[in-house]
Amino acid sequence: MPTGVADSVASPCRDVCRVDAAGVCVGCGRTLREIEEWPRAGNERRLQICAAARARVPVPSEAAQGGELLDRNPR
């Protein structure tokens, strides 16, 4: 059973994390602003973000076409 916001709507992150020229992650389809907002967003907002992301990137792909790599695991 979900215990809070973080557990209720799964992140659409695909660990691709490449941002295109428009500032949209080619892996999950979220904008940088949406990625930043995610930890604080409530369930309804997270569902909105997921719907918008799917509209931008209907089939998540690791085939990024020249984007900035965001290092998810800095050393």
PDB file of N, CA and C in Angstrom:
ATOM      1  N   MET A   1       0.846  -1.186   0.000  1.00  0.00           N
ATOM      2  CA  MET A   1       0.000   0.000   0.000  1.00  0.00           C
ATOM      3  C   MET A   1       0.886   1.241   0.000  1.00  0.00           C
ATOM      4  N   PRO A   2       0.588   2.230  -0.846  1.00  0.00           N
ATOM      5  CA  PRO A   2       1.402   3.438  -0.873  1.00  0.00           C
ATOM      6  C   PRO A   2       1.373   4.159   0.464  1.00  0.00           C
ATOM      7  N   THR A   3       2.522   4.639   0.873  1.00  0.00           N
ATOM      8  CA  THR A   3       2.616   5.326   2.155  1.00  0.00           C
ATOM      9  C   THR A   3       2.737   6.829   2.001  1.00  0.00           C
ATOM     10  N   GLY A   4       2.939   7.303   0.797  1.00  0.00           N
ATOM     11  CA  GLY A   4       3.077   8.735   0.596  1.00  0.00           C
ATOM     12  C   GLY A   4       3.218   9.055  -0.876  1.00  0.00           C
ATOM     13  N   VAL A   5       3.441  10.325  -1.158  1.00  0.00           N
ATOM     14  CA  VAL A   5       3.545  10.784  -2.539  1.00  0.00           C
ATOM     15  C   VAL A   5       4.621  10.032  -3.290  1.00  0.00           C
ATOM     16  N   ALA A   6       5.780   9.841  -2.686  1.00  0.00           N
ATOM     17  CA  ALA A   6       6.897   9.211  -3.379  1.00  0.00           C
ATOM     18  C   ALA A   6       6.585   7.778  -3.784  1.00  0.00           C
ATOM     19  N   ASP A   7       5.693   7.114  -3.057  1.00  0.00           N
ATOM     20  CA  ASP A   7       5.374   5.722  -3.342  1.00  0.00           C
ATOM     21  C   ASP A   7       4.165   5.547  -4.253  1.00  0.00           C
ATOM     22  N   SER A   8       3.396   6.592  -4.474  1.00  0.00           N
ATOM     23  CA  SER A   8       2.110   6.429  -5.121  1.00  0.00           C
ATOM     24  C   SER A   8       2.143   6.464  -6.644  1.00  0.00           C
ATOM     25  N   VAL A   9       2.967   7.278  -7.255  1.00  0.00           N
ATOM     26  CA  VAL A   9       3.065   7.348  -8.710  1.00  0.00           C
ATOM     27  C   VAL A   9       4.529   7.154  -9.077  1.00  0.00           C
ATOM     28  N   ALA A  10       4.813   6.086  -9.791  1.00  0.00           N
ATOM     29  CA  ALA A  10       6.193   5.758 -10.143  1.00  0.00           C
ATOM     30  C   ALA A  10       6.764   6.778 -11.123  1.00  0.00           C
ATOM     31  N   SER A  11       8.028   7.071 -10.957  1.00  0.00           N
ATOM     32  CA  SER A  11       8.726   7.976 -11.859  1.00  0.00           C
ATOM     33  C   SER A  11       8.828   7.349 -13.246  1.00  0.00           C
ATOM     34  N   PRO A  12       8.660   8.155 -14.299  1.00  0.00           N
ATOM     35  CA  PRO A  12       8.801   7.630 -15.655  1.00  0.00           C
ATOM     36  C   PRO A  12      10.258   7.532 -16.099  1.00  0.00           C
ATOM     37  N   CYS A  13      11.203   7.836 -15.223  1.00  0.00           N
ATOM     38  CA  CYS A  13      12.624   7.814 -15.561  1.00  0.00           C
ATOM     39  C   CYS A  13      13.030   6.451 -16.109  1.00  0.00           C
ATOM     40  N   ARG A  14      13.815   6.473 -17.201  1.00  0.00           N
ATOM     41  CA  ARG A  14      14.304   5.246 -17.835  1.00  0.00           C
ATOM     42  C   ARG A  14      15.820   5.132 -17.731  1.00  0.00           C
ATOM     43  N   ASP A  15      16.423   6.000 -16.919  1.00  0.00           N
ATOM     44  CA  ASP A  15      17.881   6.039 -16.747  1.00  0.00           C
ATOM     45  C   ASP A  15      18.626   6.293 -18.051  1.00  0.00           C
ATOM     46  N   VAL A  16      17.994   7.010 -18.964  1.00  0.00           N
ATOM     47  CA  VAL A  16      18.657   7.431 -20.197  1.00  0.00           C
ATOM     48  C   VAL A  16      19.240   8.820 -19.977  1.00  0.00           C
ATOM     49  N   CYS A  17      18.449   9.727 -19.453  1.00  0.00           N
ATOM     50  CA  CYS A  17      18.891  11.039 -18.970  1.00  0.00           C
ATOM     51  C   CYS A  17      19.736  11.825 -19.965  1.00  0.00           C
ATOM     52  N   ARG A  18      19.202  12.013 -21.138  1.00  0.00           N
ATOM     53  CA  ARG A  18      19.807  12.869 -22.156  1.00  0.00           C
ATOM     54  C   ARG A  18      18.784  13.929 -22.517  1.00  0.00           C
ATOM     55  N   VAL A  19      19.203  15.172 -22.455  1.00  0.00           N
ATOM     56  CA  VAL A  19      18.302  16.284 -22.704  1.00  0.00           C
ATOM     57  C   VAL A  19      18.530  16.818 -24.111  1.00  0.00           C
ATOM     58  N   ASP A  20      17.442  16.985 -24.868  1.00  0.00           N
ATOM     59  CA  ASP A  20      17.565  17.517 -26.222  1.00  0.00           C
ATOM     60  C   ASP A  20      17.644  19.042 -26.188  1.00  0.00           C
ATOM     61  N   ALA A  21      17.721  19.643 -27.347  1.00  0.00           N
ATOM     62  CA  ALA A  21      17.878  21.096 -27.454  1.00  0.00           C
ATOM     63  C   ALA A  21      16.696  21.854 -26.859  1.00  0.00           C
ATOM     64  N   ALA A  22      15.538  21.229 -26.802  1.00  0.00           N
ATOM     65  CA  ALA A  22      14.347  21.866 -26.246  1.00  0.00           C
ATOM     66  C   ALA A  22      14.265  21.710 -24.723  1.00  0.00           C
ATOM     67  N   GLY A  23      15.226  21.007 -24.112  1.00  0.00           N
ATOM     68  CA  GLY A  23      15.210  20.810 -22.667  1.00  0.00           C
ATOM     69  C   GLY A  23      14.314  19.670 -22.223  1.00  0.00           C
ATOM     70  N   VAL A  24      14.101  18.708 -23.110  1.00  0.00           N
ATOM     71  CA  VAL A  24      13.254  17.546 -22.814  1.00  0.00           C
ATOM     72  C   VAL A  24      14.131  16.300 -22.774  1.00  0.00           C
ATOM     73  N   CYS A  25      13.956  15.493 -21.746  1.00  0.00           N
ATOM     74  CA  CYS A  25      14.707  14.249 -21.637  1.00  0.00           C
ATOM     75  C   CYS A  25      14.226  13.282 -22.716  1.00  0.00           C
ATOM     76  N   VAL A  26      15.142  12.765 -23.507  1.00  0.00           N
ATOM     77  CA  VAL A  26      14.762  11.845 -24.580  1.00  0.00           C
ATOM     78  C   VAL A  26      14.422  10.461 -24.034  1.00  0.00           C
ATOM     79  N   GLY A  27      14.754  10.181 -22.795  1.00  0.00           N
ATOM     80  CA  GLY A  27      14.429   8.897 -22.186  1.00  0.00           C
ATOM     81  C   GLY A  27      13.011   8.839 -21.657  1.00  0.00           C
ATOM     82  N   CYS A  28      12.636   9.845 -20.861  1.00  0.00           N
ATOM     83  CA  CYS A  28      11.319   9.802 -20.215  1.00  0.00           C
ATOM     84  C   CYS A  28      10.341  10.830 -20.759  1.00  0.00           C
ATOM     85  N   GLY A  29      10.824  11.844 -21.460  1.00  0.00           N
ATOM     86  CA  GLY A  29       9.930  12.844 -22.028  1.00  0.00           C
ATOM     87  C   GLY A  29       9.612  14.013 -21.131  1.00  0.00           C
ATOM     88  N   ARG A  30      10.158  14.020 -19.910  1.00  0.00           N
ATOM     89  CA  ARG A  30       9.897  15.146 -19.009  1.00  0.00           C
ATOM     90  C   ARG A  30      10.822  16.321 -19.323  1.00  0.00           C
ATOM     91  N   THR A  31      10.329  17.512 -19.036  1.00  0.00           N
ATOM     92  CA  THR A  31      11.169  18.694 -19.143  1.00  0.00           C
ATOM     93  C   THR A  31      12.055  18.767 -17.902  1.00  0.00           C
ATOM     94  N   LEU A  32      13.092  19.582 -17.977  1.00  0.00           N
ATOM     95  CA  LEU A  32      13.954  19.748 -16.800  1.00  0.00           C
ATOM     96  C   LEU A  32      13.155  20.269 -15.615  1.00  0.00           C
ATOM     97  N   ARG A  33      12.214  21.159 -15.880  1.00  0.00           N
ATOM     98  CA  ARG A  33      11.380  21.703 -14.801  1.00  0.00           C
ATOM     99  C   ARG A  33      10.542  20.598 -14.156  1.00  0.00           C
ATOM    100  N   GLU A  34       9.976  19.708 -14.975  1.00  0.00           N
ATOM    101  CA  GLU A  34       9.173  18.610 -14.437  1.00  0.00           C
ATOM    102  C   GLU A  34      10.022  17.634 -13.629  1.00  0.00           C
ATOM    103  N   ILE A  35      11.230  17.385 -14.092  1.00  0.00           N
ATOM    104  CA  ILE A  35      12.134  16.501 -13.350  1.00  0.00           C
ATOM    105  C   ILE A  35      12.456  17.105 -11.993  1.00  0.00           C
ATOM    106  N   GLU A  36      12.710  18.393 -11.983  1.00  0.00           N
ATOM    107  CA  GLU A  36      13.006  19.095 -10.724  1.00  0.00           C
ATOM    108  C   GLU A  36      11.795  19.117  -9.799  1.00  0.00           C
ATOM    109  N   GLU A  37      10.611  19.253 -10.365  1.00  0.00           N
ATOM    110  CA  GLU A  37       9.372  19.338  -9.595  1.00  0.00           C
ATOM    111  C   GLU A  37       8.945  17.993  -9.003  1.00  0.00           C
ATOM    112  N   TRP A  38       9.326  16.906  -9.636  1.00  0.00           N
ATOM    113  CA  TRP A  38       8.826  15.569  -9.305  1.00  0.00           C
ATOM    114  C   TRP A  38       8.835  15.233  -7.803  1.00  0.00           C
ATOM    115  N   PRO A  39       9.928  15.426  -7.082  1.00  0.00           N
ATOM    116  CA  PRO A  39       9.936  15.014  -5.666  1.00  0.00           C
ATOM    117  C   PRO A  39       8.899  15.733  -4.797  1.00  0.00           C
ATOM    118  N   ARG A  40       8.501  16.932  -5.179  1.00  0.00           N
ATOM    119  CA  ARG A  40       7.543  17.714  -4.391  1.00  0.00           C
ATOM    120  C   ARG A  40       6.112  17.591  -4.899  1.00  0.00           C
ATOM    121  N   ALA A  41       5.927  17.006  -6.069  1.00  0.00           N
ATOM    122  CA  ALA A  41       4.612  16.958  -6.712  1.00  0.00           C
ATOM    123  C   ALA A  41       3.686  15.949  -6.037  1.00  0.00           C
ATOM    124  N   GLY A  42       2.417  16.325  -5.961  1.00  0.00           N
ATOM    125  CA  GLY A  42       1.395  15.419  -5.453  1.00  0.00           C
ATOM    126  C   GLY A  42       0.983  14.431  -6.534  1.00  0.00           C
ATOM    127  N   ASN A  43       0.132  13.490  -6.165  1.00  0.00           N
ATOM    128  CA  ASN A  43      -0.297  12.444  -7.101  1.00  0.00           C
ATOM    129  C   ASN A  43      -0.900  13.001  -8.382  1.00  0.00           C
ATOM    130  N   GLU A  44      -1.816  13.951  -8.248  1.00  0.00           N
ATOM    131  CA  GLU A  44      -2.481  14.503  -9.428  1.00  0.00           C
ATOM    132  C   GLU A  44      -1.470  15.161 -10.366  1.00  0.00           C
ATOM    133  N   ARG A  45      -0.563  15.940  -9.806  1.00  0.00           N
ATOM    134  CA  ARG A  45       0.442  16.603 -10.632  1.00  0.00           C
ATOM    135  C   ARG A  45       1.371  15.581 -11.291  1.00  0.00           C
ATOM    136  N   ARG A  46       1.749  14.538 -10.554  1.00  0.00           N
ATOM    137  CA  ARG A  46       2.613  13.502 -11.131  1.00  0.00           C
ATOM    138  C   ARG A  46       1.937  12.814 -12.304  1.00  0.00           C
ATOM    139  N   LEU A  47       0.641  12.562 -12.192  1.00  0.00           N
ATOM    140  CA  LEU A  47      -0.095  11.959 -13.300  1.00  0.00           C
ATOM    141  C   LEU A  47      -0.123  12.900 -14.501  1.00  0.00           C
ATOM    142  N   GLN A  48      -0.259  14.199 -14.253  1.00  0.00           N
ATOM    143  CA  GLN A  48      -0.220  15.184 -15.336  1.00  0.00           C
ATOM    144  C   GLN A  48       1.143  15.192 -16.013  1.00  0.00           C
ATOM    145  N   ILE A  49       2.189  15.152 -15.212  1.00  0.00           N
ATOM    146  CA  ILE A  49       3.552  15.136 -15.748  1.00  0.00           C
ATOM    147  C   ILE A  49       3.760  13.891 -16.604  1.00  0.00           C
ATOM    148  N   CYS A  50       3.318  12.735 -16.115  1.00  0.00           N
ATOM    149  CA  CYS A  50       3.473  11.484 -16.865  1.00  0.00           C
ATOM    150  C   CYS A  50       2.721  11.544 -18.195  1.00  0.00           C
ATOM    151  N   ALA A  51       1.513  12.092 -18.189  1.00  0.00           N
ATOM    152  CA  ALA A  51       0.728  12.192 -19.422  1.00  0.00           C
ATOM    153  C   ALA A  51       1.424  13.107 -20.426  1.00  0.00           C
ATOM    154  N   ALA A  52       1.928  14.236 -19.957  1.00  0.00           N
ATOM    155  CA  ALA A  52       2.623  15.169 -20.840  1.00  0.00           C
ATOM    156  C   ALA A  52       3.900  14.539 -21.386  1.00  0.00           C
ATOM    157  N   ALA A  53       4.611  13.814 -20.539  1.00  0.00           N
ATOM    158  CA  ALA A  53       5.858  13.163 -20.956  1.00  0.00           C
ATOM    159  C   ALA A  53       5.590  12.108 -22.030  1.00  0.00           C
ATOM    160  N   ARG A  54       4.538  11.310 -21.848  1.00  0.00           N
ATOM    161  CA  ARG A  54       4.182  10.297 -22.853  1.00  0.00           C
ATOM    162  C   ARG A  54       3.821  10.942 -24.185  1.00  0.00           C
ATOM    163  N   ALA A  55       3.209  12.109 -24.142  1.00  0.00           N
ATOM    164  CA  ALA A  55       2.856  12.811 -25.383  1.00  0.00           C
ATOM    165  C   ALA A  55       4.109  13.293 -26.107  1.00  0.00           C
ATOM    166  N   ARG A  56       5.156  13.630 -25.340  1.00  0.00           N
ATOM    167  CA  ARG A  56       6.399  14.098 -25.949  1.00  0.00           C
ATOM    168  C   ARG A  56       7.253  12.951 -26.462  1.00  0.00           C
ATOM    169  N   VAL A  57       7.296  11.857 -25.712  1.00  0.00           N
ATOM    170  CA  VAL A  57       8.111  10.696 -26.067  1.00  0.00           C
ATOM    171  C   VAL A  57       7.229   9.458 -25.871  1.00  0.00           C
ATOM    172  N   PRO A  58       6.387   9.136 -26.874  1.00  0.00           N
ATOM    173  CA  PRO A  58       5.439   8.040 -26.714  1.00  0.00           C
ATOM    174  C   PRO A  58       6.092   6.689 -26.446  1.00  0.00           C
ATOM    175  N   VAL A  59       7.225   6.429 -27.076  1.00  0.00           N
ATOM    176  CA  VAL A  59       7.936   5.176 -26.848  1.00  0.00           C
ATOM    177  C   VAL A  59       9.337   5.531 -26.394  1.00  0.00           C
ATOM    178  N   PRO A  60       9.597   5.487 -25.081  1.00  0.00           N
ATOM    179  CA  PRO A  60      10.932   5.855 -24.594  1.00  0.00           C
ATOM    180  C   PRO A  60      12.008   5.044 -25.302  1.00  0.00           C
ATOM    181  N   SER A  61      13.083   5.735 -25.646  1.00  0.00           N
ATOM    182  CA  SER A  61      14.154   5.106 -26.402  1.00  0.00           C
ATOM    183  C   SER A  61      15.500   5.545 -25.863  1.00  0.00           C
ATOM    184  N   GLU A  62      16.461   4.653 -25.949  1.00  0.00           N
ATOM    185  CA  GLU A  62      17.812   5.003 -25.535  1.00  0.00           C
ATOM    186  C   GLU A  62      18.591   5.620 -26.688  1.00  0.00           C
ATOM    187  N   ALA A  63      17.976   5.716 -27.840  1.00  0.00           N
ATOM    188  CA  ALA A  63      18.646   6.275 -29.011  1.00  0.00           C
ATOM    189  C   ALA A  63      18.536   7.789 -28.990  1.00  0.00           C
ATOM    190  N   ALA A  64      19.294   8.421 -28.138  1.00  0.00           N
ATOM    191  CA  ALA A  64      19.277   9.879 -28.039  1.00  0.00           C
ATOM    192  C   ALA A  64      19.919  10.486 -29.278  1.00  0.00           C
ATOM    193  N   GLN A  65      19.333  11.544 -29.738  1.00  0.00           N
ATOM    194  CA  GLN A  65      19.868  12.207 -30.919  1.00  0.00           C
ATOM    195  C   GLN A  65      20.563  13.477 -30.489  1.00  0.00           C
ATOM    196  N   GLY A  66      21.769  13.339 -30.011  1.00  0.00           N
ATOM    197  CA  GLY A  66      22.577  14.476 -29.611  1.00  0.00           C
ATOM    198  C   GLY A  66      21.954  15.278 -28.497  1.00  0.00           C
ATOM    199  N   GLY A  67      22.130  14.898 -27.310  1.00  0.00           N
ATOM    200  CA  GLY A  67      21.646  15.654 -26.167  1.00  0.00           C
ATOM    201  C   GLY A  67      22.715  15.700 -25.110  1.00  0.00           C
ATOM    202  N   GLU A  68      22.473  16.481 -24.119  1.00  0.00           N
ATOM    203  CA  GLU A  68      23.406  16.606 -23.020  1.00  0.00           C
ATOM    204  C   GLU A  68      23.204  15.438 -22.075  1.00  0.00           C
ATOM    205  N   LEU A  69      24.273  14.757 -21.713  1.00  0.00           N
ATOM    206  CA  LEU A  69      24.190  13.650 -20.780  1.00  0.00           C
ATOM    207  C   LEU A  69      24.198  14.203 -19.373  1.00  0.00           C
ATOM    208  N   LEU A  70      23.193  13.846 -18.615  1.00  0.00           N
ATOM    209  CA  LEU A  70      23.136  14.241 -17.207  1.00  0.00           C
ATOM    210  C   LEU A  70      23.647  13.070 -16.389  1.00  0.00           C
ATOM    211  N   ASP A  71      24.686  13.286 -15.629  1.00  0.00           N
ATOM    212  CA  ASP A  71      25.302  12.229 -14.847  1.00  0.00           C
ATOM    213  C   ASP A  71      24.467  11.971 -13.604  1.00  0.00           C
ATOM    214  N   ARG A  72      23.764  10.846 -13.583  1.00  0.00           N
ATOM    215  CA  ARG A  72      22.904  10.508 -12.450  1.00  0.00           C
ATOM    216  C   ARG A  72      23.706   9.931 -11.280  1.00  0.00           C
ATOM    217  N   ASN A  73      24.936   9.533 -11.521  1.00  0.00           N
ATOM    218  CA  ASN A  73      25.750   8.937 -10.471  1.00  0.00           C
ATOM    219  C   ASN A  73      27.121   9.598 -10.422  1.00  0.00           C
ATOM    220  N   PRO A  74      27.183  10.862 -10.000  1.00  0.00           N
ATOM    221  CA  PRO A  74      28.494  11.532  -9.965  1.00  0.00           C
ATOM    222  C   PRO A  74      29.423  10.848  -8.962  1.00  0.00           C
ATOM    223  N   ARG A  75      30.701  10.854  -9.276  1.00  0.00           N
ATOM    224  CA  ARG A  75      31.673  10.213  -8.385  1.00  0.00           C
ATOM    225  C   ARG A  75      32.274  11.183  -7.427  1.00  0.00           C
TER     226      ARG A  75
END
